[in-house]
Amino acid sequence: MASIYGEEWCVIDERAKIFCIRISDDKEDPKWTLCLQVMLPNEYPGTAPPIYQLNAPWLKGQERADLSNSLEEIYVCPPCLVQ
């Protein structure tokens, strides 16, 4: 994952399988930043989905709900993404 996300990827706790991806609108002068924290339970991927936590104070309401729903759909229906 580090080779894909580079500096945006960080390991918070490797033993507990907690990771973070930091996404910004501009690397030089970011105005909007979102941190996506992902925890992989021991049962992942067989019977449990990843647990997501979004840290983006500027993301509110329906936009936040839509993004959260999209993340859940990725786990529930990965073949749907291929269409």
PDB file of N, CA and C in Angstrom:
ATOM      1  N   MET A   1       0.818  -1.186   0.000  1.00  0.00           N
ATOM      2  CA  MET A   1       0.000   0.000   0.000  1.00  0.00           C
ATOM      3  C   MET A   1       0.870   1.261   0.000  1.00  0.00           C
ATOM      4  N   ALA A   2       1.978   1.212   0.688  1.00  0.00           N
ATOM      5  CA  ALA A   2       2.854   2.376   0.714  1.00  0.00           C
ATOM      6  C   ALA A   2       3.360   2.720  -0.678  1.00  0.00           C
ATOM      7  N   SER A   3       3.578   1.702  -1.520  1.00  0.00           N
ATOM      8  CA  SER A   3       4.047   1.990  -2.870  1.00  0.00           C
ATOM      9  C   SER A   3       2.957   2.632  -3.723  1.00  0.00           C
ATOM     10  N   ILE A   4       1.710   2.390  -3.388  1.00  0.00           N
ATOM     11  CA  ILE A   4       0.601   3.004  -4.117  1.00  0.00           C
ATOM     12  C   ILE A   4       0.339   4.427  -3.622  1.00  0.00           C
ATOM     13  N   TYR A   5       0.267   4.594  -2.309  1.00  0.00           N
ATOM     14  CA  TYR A   5      -0.122   5.884  -1.738  1.00  0.00           C
ATOM     15  C   TYR A   5       1.045   6.771  -1.348  1.00  0.00           C
ATOM     16  N   GLY A   6       2.251   6.234  -1.311  1.00  0.00           N
ATOM     17  CA  GLY A   6       3.421   7.043  -0.991  1.00  0.00           C
ATOM     18  C   GLY A   6       3.323   7.705   0.369  1.00  0.00           C
ATOM     19  N   GLU A   7       3.578   9.005   0.392  1.00  0.00           N
ATOM     20  CA  GLU A   7       3.588   9.754   1.647  1.00  0.00           C
ATOM     21  C   GLU A   7       2.206   9.865   2.289  1.00  0.00           C
ATOM     22  N   GLU A   8       1.162   9.638   1.508  1.00  0.00           N
ATOM     23  CA  GLU A   8      -0.195   9.729   2.040  1.00  0.00           C
ATOM     24  C   GLU A   8      -0.540   8.536   2.932  1.00  0.00           C
ATOM     25  N   TRP A   9       0.199   7.458   2.818  1.00  0.00           N
ATOM     26  CA  TRP A   9      -0.070   6.219   3.558  1.00  0.00           C
ATOM     27  C   TRP A   9       0.730   6.206   4.853  1.00  0.00           C
ATOM     28  N   CYS A  10       0.082   5.827   5.951  1.00  0.00           N
ATOM     29  CA  CYS A  10       0.841   5.641   7.180  1.00  0.00           C
ATOM     30  C   CYS A  10       0.264   4.475   7.973  1.00  0.00           C
ATOM     31  N   VAL A  11       1.127   3.827   8.708  1.00  0.00           N
ATOM     32  CA  VAL A  11       0.733   2.729   9.575  1.00  0.00           C
ATOM     33  C   VAL A  11       0.606   3.309  10.971  1.00  0.00           C
ATOM     34  N   ILE A  12      -0.594   3.239  11.508  1.00  0.00           N
ATOM     35  CA  ILE A  12      -0.808   3.741  12.863  1.00  0.00           C
ATOM     36  C   ILE A  12      -0.422   2.670  13.874  1.00  0.00           C
ATOM     37  N   ASP A  13      -0.909   1.448  13.653  1.00  0.00           N
ATOM     38  CA  ASP A  13      -0.596   0.334  14.546  1.00  0.00           C
ATOM     39  C   ASP A  13      -0.630  -0.949  13.715  1.00  0.00           C
ATOM     40  N   GLU A  14       0.543  -1.440  13.329  1.00  0.00           N
ATOM     41  CA  GLU A  14       0.603  -2.609  12.449  1.00  0.00           C
ATOM     42  C   GLU A  14       0.032  -3.849  13.127  1.00  0.00           C
ATOM     43  N   ARG A  15       0.312  -4.011  14.383  1.00  0.00           N
ATOM     44  CA  ARG A  15      -0.183  -5.189  15.112  1.00  0.00           C
ATOM     45  C   ARG A  15      -1.704  -5.201  15.186  1.00  0.00           C
ATOM     46  N   ALA A  16      -2.300  -4.045  15.415  1.00  0.00           N
ATOM     47  CA  ALA A  16      -3.762  -3.935  15.483  1.00  0.00           C
ATOM     48  C   ALA A  16      -4.386  -3.745  14.100  1.00  0.00           C
ATOM     49  N   LYS A  17      -3.562  -3.666  13.061  1.00  0.00           N
ATOM     50  CA  LYS A  17      -3.998  -3.474  11.679  1.00  0.00           C
ATOM     51  C   LYS A  17      -4.817  -2.186  11.509  1.00  0.00           C
ATOM     52  N   ILE A  18      -4.219  -1.087  11.949  1.00  0.00           N
ATOM     53  CA  ILE A  18      -4.848   0.227  11.798  1.00  0.00           C
ATOM     54  C   ILE A  18      -3.947   1.073  10.903  1.00  0.00           C
ATOM     55  N   PHE A  19      -4.549   1.585   9.831  1.00  0.00           N
ATOM     56  CA  PHE A  19      -3.805   2.337   8.827  1.00  0.00           C
ATOM     57  C   PHE A  19      -4.534   3.640   8.526  1.00  0.00           C
ATOM     58  N   CYS A  20      -3.836   4.552   7.877  1.00  0.00           N
ATOM     59  CA  CYS A  20      -4.423   5.845   7.541  1.00  0.00           C
ATOM     60  C   CYS A  20      -3.956   6.280   6.153  1.00  0.00           C
ATOM     61  N   ILE A  21      -4.888   6.849   5.412  1.00  0.00           N
ATOM     62  CA  ILE A  21      -4.567   7.458   4.128  1.00  0.00           C
ATOM     63  C   ILE A  21      -4.977   8.925   4.232  1.00  0.00           C
ATOM     64  N   ARG A  22      -4.036   9.810   3.974  1.00  0.00           N
ATOM     65  CA  ARG A  22      -4.295  11.243   4.048  1.00  0.00           C
ATOM     66  C   ARG A  22      -4.404  11.784   2.626  1.00  0.00           C
ATOM     67  N   ILE A  23      -5.552  12.371   2.327  1.00  0.00           N
ATOM     68  CA  ILE A  23      -5.824  12.863   0.987  1.00  0.00           C
ATOM     69  C   ILE A  23      -6.013  14.381   1.053  1.00  0.00           C
ATOM     70  N   SER A  24      -5.266  15.103   0.228  1.00  0.00           N
ATOM     71  CA  SER A  24      -5.361  16.565   0.190  1.00  0.00           C
ATOM     72  C   SER A  24      -5.652  17.034  -1.220  1.00  0.00           C
ATOM     73  N   ASP A  25      -6.242  18.208  -1.326  1.00  0.00           N
ATOM     74  CA  ASP A  25      -6.535  18.763  -2.645  1.00  0.00           C
ATOM     75  C   ASP A  25      -5.296  19.317  -3.329  1.00  0.00           C
ATOM     76  N   ASP A  26      -4.273  19.660  -2.561  1.00  0.00           N
ATOM     77  CA  ASP A  26      -3.056  20.224  -3.124  1.00  0.00           C
ATOM     78  C   ASP A  26      -1.903  19.900  -2.180  1.00  0.00           C
ATOM     79  N   LYS A  27      -0.866  19.231  -2.686  1.00  0.00           N
ATOM     80  CA  LYS A  27       0.255  18.853  -1.833  1.00  0.00           C
ATOM     81  C   LYS A  27       1.028  20.058  -1.313  1.00  0.00           C
ATOM     82  N   GLU A  28       1.162  21.088  -2.149  1.00  0.00           N
ATOM     83  CA  GLU A  28       1.954  22.264  -1.777  1.00  0.00           C
ATOM     84  C   GLU A  28       1.223  23.175  -0.791  1.00  0.00           C
ATOM     85  N   ASP A  29      -0.074  23.388  -1.027  1.00  0.00           N
ATOM     86  CA  ASP A  29      -0.853  24.303  -0.199  1.00  0.00           C
ATOM     87  C   ASP A  29      -2.253  23.722   0.027  1.00  0.00           C
ATOM     88  N   PRO A  30      -2.361  22.682   0.872  1.00  0.00           N
ATOM     89  CA  PRO A  30      -3.655  22.024   1.043  1.00  0.00           C
ATOM     90  C   PRO A  30      -4.670  22.910   1.756  1.00  0.00           C
ATOM     91  N   LYS A  31      -5.876  22.952   1.183  1.00  0.00           N
ATOM     92  CA  LYS A  31      -6.988  23.663   1.820  1.00  0.00           C
ATOM     93  C   LYS A  31      -7.983  22.674   2.391  1.00  0.00           C
ATOM     94  N   TRP A  32      -8.099  21.524   1.734  1.00  0.00           N
ATOM     95  CA  TRP A  32      -9.027  20.480   2.155  1.00  0.00           C
ATOM     96  C   TRP A  32      -8.237  19.186   2.338  1.00  0.00           C
ATOM     97  N   THR A  33      -8.300  18.639   3.522  1.00  0.00           N
ATOM     98  CA  THR A  33      -7.613  17.386   3.802  1.00  0.00           C
ATOM     99  C   THR A  33      -8.584  16.417   4.452  1.00  0.00           C
ATOM    100  N   LEU A  34      -8.495  15.174   4.036  1.00  0.00           N
ATOM    101  CA  LEU A  34      -9.320  14.117   4.599  1.00  0.00           C
ATOM    102  C   LEU A  34      -8.387  13.000   5.039  1.00  0.00           C
ATOM    103  N   CYS A  35      -8.576  12.533   6.245  1.00  0.00           N
ATOM    104  CA  CYS A  35      -7.823  11.380   6.722  1.00  0.00           C
ATOM    105  C   CYS A  35      -8.789  10.210   6.834  1.00  0.00           C
ATOM    106  N   LEU A  36      -8.500   9.167   6.106  1.00  0.00           N
ATOM    107  CA  LEU A  36      -9.299   7.954   6.134  1.00  0.00           C
ATOM    108  C   LEU A  36      -8.535   6.924   6.947  1.00  0.00           C
ATOM    109  N   GLN A  37      -9.066   6.619   8.128  1.00  0.00           N
ATOM    110  CA  GLN A  37      -8.444   5.614   8.984  1.00  0.00           C
ATOM    111  C   GLN A  37      -9.171   4.298   8.746  1.00  0.00           C
ATOM    112  N   VAL A  38      -8.414   3.242   8.545  1.00  0.00           N
ATOM    113  CA  VAL A  38      -8.971   1.927   8.243  1.00  0.00           C
ATOM    114  C   VAL A  38      -8.426   0.926   9.260  1.00  0.00           C
ATOM    115  N   MET A  39      -9.344   0.199   9.883  1.00  0.00           N
ATOM    116  CA  MET A  39      -8.958  -0.871  10.799  1.00  0.00           C
ATOM    117  C   MET A  39      -9.448  -2.187  10.204  1.00  0.00           C
ATOM    118  N   LEU A  40      -8.561  -3.161  10.115  1.00  0.00           N
ATOM    119  CA  LEU A  40      -8.908  -4.468   9.557  1.00  0.00           C
ATOM    120  C   LEU A  40      -9.094  -5.465  10.703  1.00  0.00           C
ATOM    121  N   PRO A  41     -10.349  -5.829  11.002  1.00  0.00           N
ATOM    122  CA  PRO A  41     -10.588  -6.798  12.083  1.00  0.00           C
ATOM    123  C   PRO A  41      -9.969  -8.149  11.738  1.00  0.00           C
ATOM    124  N   ASN A  42      -9.763  -8.980  12.726  1.00  0.00           N
ATOM    125  CA  ASN A  42      -9.172 -10.300  12.496  1.00  0.00           C
ATOM    126  C   ASN A  42      -9.994 -11.127  11.512  1.00  0.00           C
ATOM    127  N   GLU A  43     -11.297 -10.895  11.468  1.00  0.00           N
ATOM    128  CA  GLU A  43     -12.186 -11.655  10.596  1.00  0.00           C
ATOM    129  C   GLU A  43     -12.189 -11.148   9.156  1.00  0.00           C
ATOM    130  N   TYR A  44     -11.515 -10.034   8.897  1.00  0.00           N
ATOM    131  CA  TYR A  44     -11.444  -9.469   7.548  1.00  0.00           C
ATOM    132  C   TYR A  44     -10.522 -10.322   6.700  1.00  0.00           C
ATOM    133  N   PRO A  45     -10.807 -10.600   5.485  1.00  0.00           N
ATOM    134  CA  PRO A  45     -11.934 -10.154   4.680  1.00  0.00           C
ATOM    135  C   PRO A  45     -13.089 -11.151   4.632  1.00  0.00           C
ATOM    136  N   GLY A  46     -12.903 -12.319   5.243  1.00  0.00           N
ATOM    137  CA  GLY A  46     -13.894 -13.386   5.137  1.00  0.00           C
ATOM    138  C   GLY A  46     -15.285 -13.050   5.634  1.00  0.00           C
ATOM    139  N   THR A  47     -15.376 -12.585   6.884  1.00  0.00           N
ATOM    140  CA  THR A  47     -16.710 -12.378   7.462  1.00  0.00           C
ATOM    141  C   THR A  47     -16.929 -10.988   8.043  1.00  0.00           C
ATOM    142  N   ALA A  48     -15.931 -10.154   8.015  1.00  0.00           N
ATOM    143  CA  ALA A  48     -16.094  -8.811   8.587  1.00  0.00           C
ATOM    144  C   ALA A  48     -15.503  -7.760   7.652  1.00  0.00           C
ATOM    145  N   PRO A  49     -16.212  -6.653   7.498  1.00  0.00           N
ATOM    146  CA  PRO A  49     -15.694  -5.578   6.652  1.00  0.00           C
ATOM    147  C   PRO A  49     -14.646  -4.753   7.384  1.00  0.00           C
ATOM    148  N   PRO A  50     -13.878  -3.955   6.662  1.00  0.00           N
ATOM    149  CA  PRO A  50     -12.982  -3.009   7.317  1.00  0.00           C
ATOM    150  C   PRO A  50     -13.823  -1.991   8.081  1.00  0.00           C
ATOM    151  N   ILE A  51     -13.241  -1.420   9.092  1.00  0.00           N
ATOM    152  CA  ILE A  51     -13.909  -0.372   9.856  1.00  0.00           C
ATOM    153  C   ILE A  51     -13.278   0.952   9.436  1.00  0.00           C
ATOM    154  N   TYR A  52     -14.107   1.880   8.969  1.00  0.00           N
ATOM    155  CA  TYR A  52     -13.623   3.163   8.474  1.00  0.00           C
ATOM    156  C   TYR A  52     -13.935   4.274   9.449  1.00  0.00           C
ATOM    157  N   GLN A  53     -13.031   5.214   9.529  1.00  0.00           N
ATOM    158  CA  GLN A  53     -13.288   6.449  10.271  1.00  0.00           C
ATOM    159  C   GLN A  53     -12.793   7.602   9.410  1.00  0.00           C
ATOM    160  N   LEU A  54     -13.677   8.526   9.129  1.00  0.00           N
ATOM    161  CA  LEU A  54     -13.318   9.694   8.330  1.00  0.00           C
ATOM    162  C   LEU A  54     -13.015  10.864   9.251  1.00  0.00           C
ATOM    163  N   ASN A  55     -11.898  11.513   9.026  1.00  0.00           N
ATOM    164  CA  ASN A  55     -11.568  12.715   9.768  1.00  0.00           C
ATOM    165  C   ASN A  55     -11.452  13.847   8.759  1.00  0.00           C
ATOM    166  N   ALA A  56     -12.529  14.608   8.647  1.00  0.00           N
ATOM    167  CA  ALA A  56     -12.585  15.747   7.734  1.00  0.00           C
ATOM    168  C   ALA A  56     -13.655  16.694   8.265  1.00  0.00           C
ATOM    169  N   PRO A  57     -13.276  17.623   9.139  1.00  0.00           N
ATOM    170  CA  PRO A  57     -14.263  18.514   9.754  1.00  0.00           C
ATOM    171  C   PRO A  57     -15.109  19.281   8.738  1.00  0.00           C
ATOM    172  N   TRP A  58     -14.589  19.534   7.563  1.00  0.00           N
ATOM    173  CA  TRP A  58     -15.307  20.295   6.544  1.00  0.00           C
ATOM    174  C   TRP A  58     -16.343  19.449   5.809  1.00  0.00           C
ATOM    175  N   LEU A  59     -16.267  18.119   5.936  1.00  0.00           N
ATOM    176  CA  LEU A  59     -17.184  17.221   5.243  1.00  0.00           C
ATOM    177  C   LEU A  59     -18.370  16.938   6.157  1.00  0.00           C
ATOM    178  N   LYS A  60     -19.544  17.386   5.755  1.00  0.00           N
ATOM    179  CA  LYS A  60     -20.715  17.294   6.640  1.00  0.00           C
ATOM    180  C   LYS A  60     -21.933  16.755   5.909  1.00  0.00           C
ATOM    181  N   GLY A  61     -22.909  16.413   6.685  1.00  0.00           N
ATOM    182  CA  GLY A  61     -24.224  16.070   6.173  1.00  0.00           C
ATOM    183  C   GLY A  61     -24.242  14.964   5.141  1.00  0.00           C
ATOM    184  N   GLN A  62     -24.984  15.240   4.066  1.00  0.00           N
ATOM    185  CA  GLN A  62     -25.211  14.233   3.037  1.00  0.00           C
ATOM    186  C   GLN A  62     -23.927  13.825   2.317  1.00  0.00           C
ATOM    187  N   GLU A  63     -23.007  14.768   2.120  1.00  0.00           N
ATOM    188  CA  GLU A  63     -21.738  14.415   1.463  1.00  0.00           C
ATOM    189  C   GLU A  63     -20.965  13.385   2.283  1.00  0.00           C
ATOM    190  N   ARG A  64     -20.932  13.577   3.599  1.00  0.00           N
ATOM    191  CA  ARG A  64     -20.245  12.635   4.486  1.00  0.00           C
ATOM    192  C   ARG A  64     -20.945  11.280   4.453  1.00  0.00           C
ATOM    193  N   ALA A  65     -22.267  11.290   4.508  1.00  0.00           N
ATOM    194  CA  ALA A  65     -23.046  10.050   4.471  1.00  0.00           C
ATOM    195  C   ALA A  65     -22.833   9.320   3.145  1.00  0.00           C
ATOM    196  N   ASP A  66     -22.820  10.068   2.035  1.00  0.00           N
ATOM    197  CA  ASP A  66     -22.606   9.456   0.725  1.00  0.00           C
ATOM    198  C   ASP A  66     -21.234   8.791   0.640  1.00  0.00           C
ATOM    199  N   LEU A  67     -20.209   9.464   1.135  1.00  0.00           N
ATOM    200  CA  LEU A  67     -18.865   8.892   1.110  1.00  0.00           C
ATOM    201  C   LEU A  67     -18.800   7.643   1.985  1.00  0.00           C
ATOM    202  N   SER A  68     -19.382   7.693   3.159  1.00  0.00           N
ATOM    203  CA  SER A  68     -19.397   6.522   4.049  1.00  0.00           C
ATOM    204  C   SER A  68     -20.121   5.346   3.399  1.00  0.00           C
ATOM    205  N   ASN A  69     -21.245   5.630   2.758  1.00  0.00           N
ATOM    206  CA  ASN A  69     -21.994   4.573   2.070  1.00  0.00           C
ATOM    207  C   ASN A  69     -21.186   3.981   0.927  1.00  0.00           C
ATOM    208  N   SER A  70     -20.468   4.815   0.201  1.00  0.00           N
ATOM    209  CA  SER A  70     -19.630   4.328  -0.902  1.00  0.00           C
ATOM    210  C   SER A  70     -18.537   3.393  -0.391  1.00  0.00           C
ATOM    211  N   LEU A  71     -17.953   3.714   0.750  1.00  0.00           N
ATOM    212  CA  LEU A  71     -16.918   2.855   1.324  1.00  0.00           C
ATOM    213  C   LEU A  71     -17.495   1.496   1.709  1.00  0.00           C
ATOM    214  N   GLU A  72     -18.698   1.493   2.273  1.00  0.00           N
ATOM    215  CA  GLU A  72     -19.343   0.237   2.636  1.00  0.00           C
ATOM    216  C   GLU A  72     -19.666  -0.593   1.399  1.00  0.00           C
ATOM    217  N   GLU A  73     -20.104   0.055   0.343  1.00  0.00           N
ATOM    218  CA  GLU A  73     -20.447  -0.650  -0.892  1.00  0.00           C
ATOM    219  C   GLU A  73     -19.231  -1.342  -1.507  1.00  0.00           C
ATOM    220  N   ILE A  74     -18.064  -0.769  -1.348  1.00  0.00           N
ATOM    221  CA  ILE A  74     -16.848  -1.376  -1.894  1.00  0.00           C
ATOM    222  C   ILE A  74     -16.637  -2.755  -1.284  1.00  0.00           C
ATOM    223  N   TYR A  75     -16.886  -2.904   0.011  1.00  0.00           N
ATOM    224  CA  TYR A  75     -16.720  -4.203   0.663  1.00  0.00           C
ATOM    225  C   TYR A  75     -17.858  -5.154   0.295  1.00  0.00           C
ATOM    226  N   VAL A  76     -19.078  -4.644   0.308  1.00  0.00           N
ATOM    227  CA  VAL A  76     -20.254  -5.486   0.095  1.00  0.00           C
ATOM    228  C   VAL A  76     -20.333  -5.972  -1.344  1.00  0.00           C
ATOM    229  N   CYS A  77     -19.927  -5.128  -2.289  1.00  0.00           N
ATOM    230  CA  CYS A  77     -20.142  -5.470  -3.687  1.00  0.00           C
ATOM    231  C   CYS A  77     -18.931  -5.138  -4.565  1.00  0.00           C
ATOM    232  N   PRO A  78     -17.749  -5.717  -4.293  1.00  0.00           N
ATOM    233  CA  PRO A  78     -16.583  -5.401  -5.128  1.00  0.00           C
ATOM    234  C   PRO A  78     -16.757  -5.724  -6.599  1.00  0.00           C
ATOM    235  N   PRO A  79     -17.457  -6.809  -6.989  1.00  0.00           N
ATOM    236  CA  PRO A  79     -17.635  -7.047  -8.426  1.00  0.00           C
ATOM    237  C   PRO A  79     -18.451  -5.947  -9.112  1.00  0.00           C
ATOM    238  N   CYS A  80     -19.272  -5.247  -8.352  1.00  0.00           N
ATOM    239  CA  CYS A  80     -20.072  -4.170  -8.941  1.00  0.00           C
ATOM    240  C   CYS A  80     -19.184  -3.060  -9.481  1.00  0.00           C
ATOM    241  N   LEU A  81     -17.991  -2.912  -8.938  1.00  0.00           N
ATOM    242  CA  LEU A  81     -17.083  -1.855  -9.375  1.00  0.00           C
ATOM    243  C   LEU A  81     -16.514  -2.117 -10.765  1.00  0.00           C
ATOM    244  N   VAL A  82     -16.519  -3.361 -11.179  1.00  0.00           N
ATOM    245  CA  VAL A  82     -15.931  -3.735 -12.459  1.00  0.00           C
ATOM    246  C   VAL A  82     -16.824  -3.310 -13.623  1.00  0.00           C
ATOM    247  N   GLN A  83     -18.112  -3.198 -13.397  1.00  0.00           N
ATOM    248  CA  GLN A  83     -19.060  -2.888 -14.474  1.00  0.00           C
ATOM    249  C   GLN A  83     -18.761  -1.614 -15.157  1.00  0.00           C
TER     250      GLN A  83
END
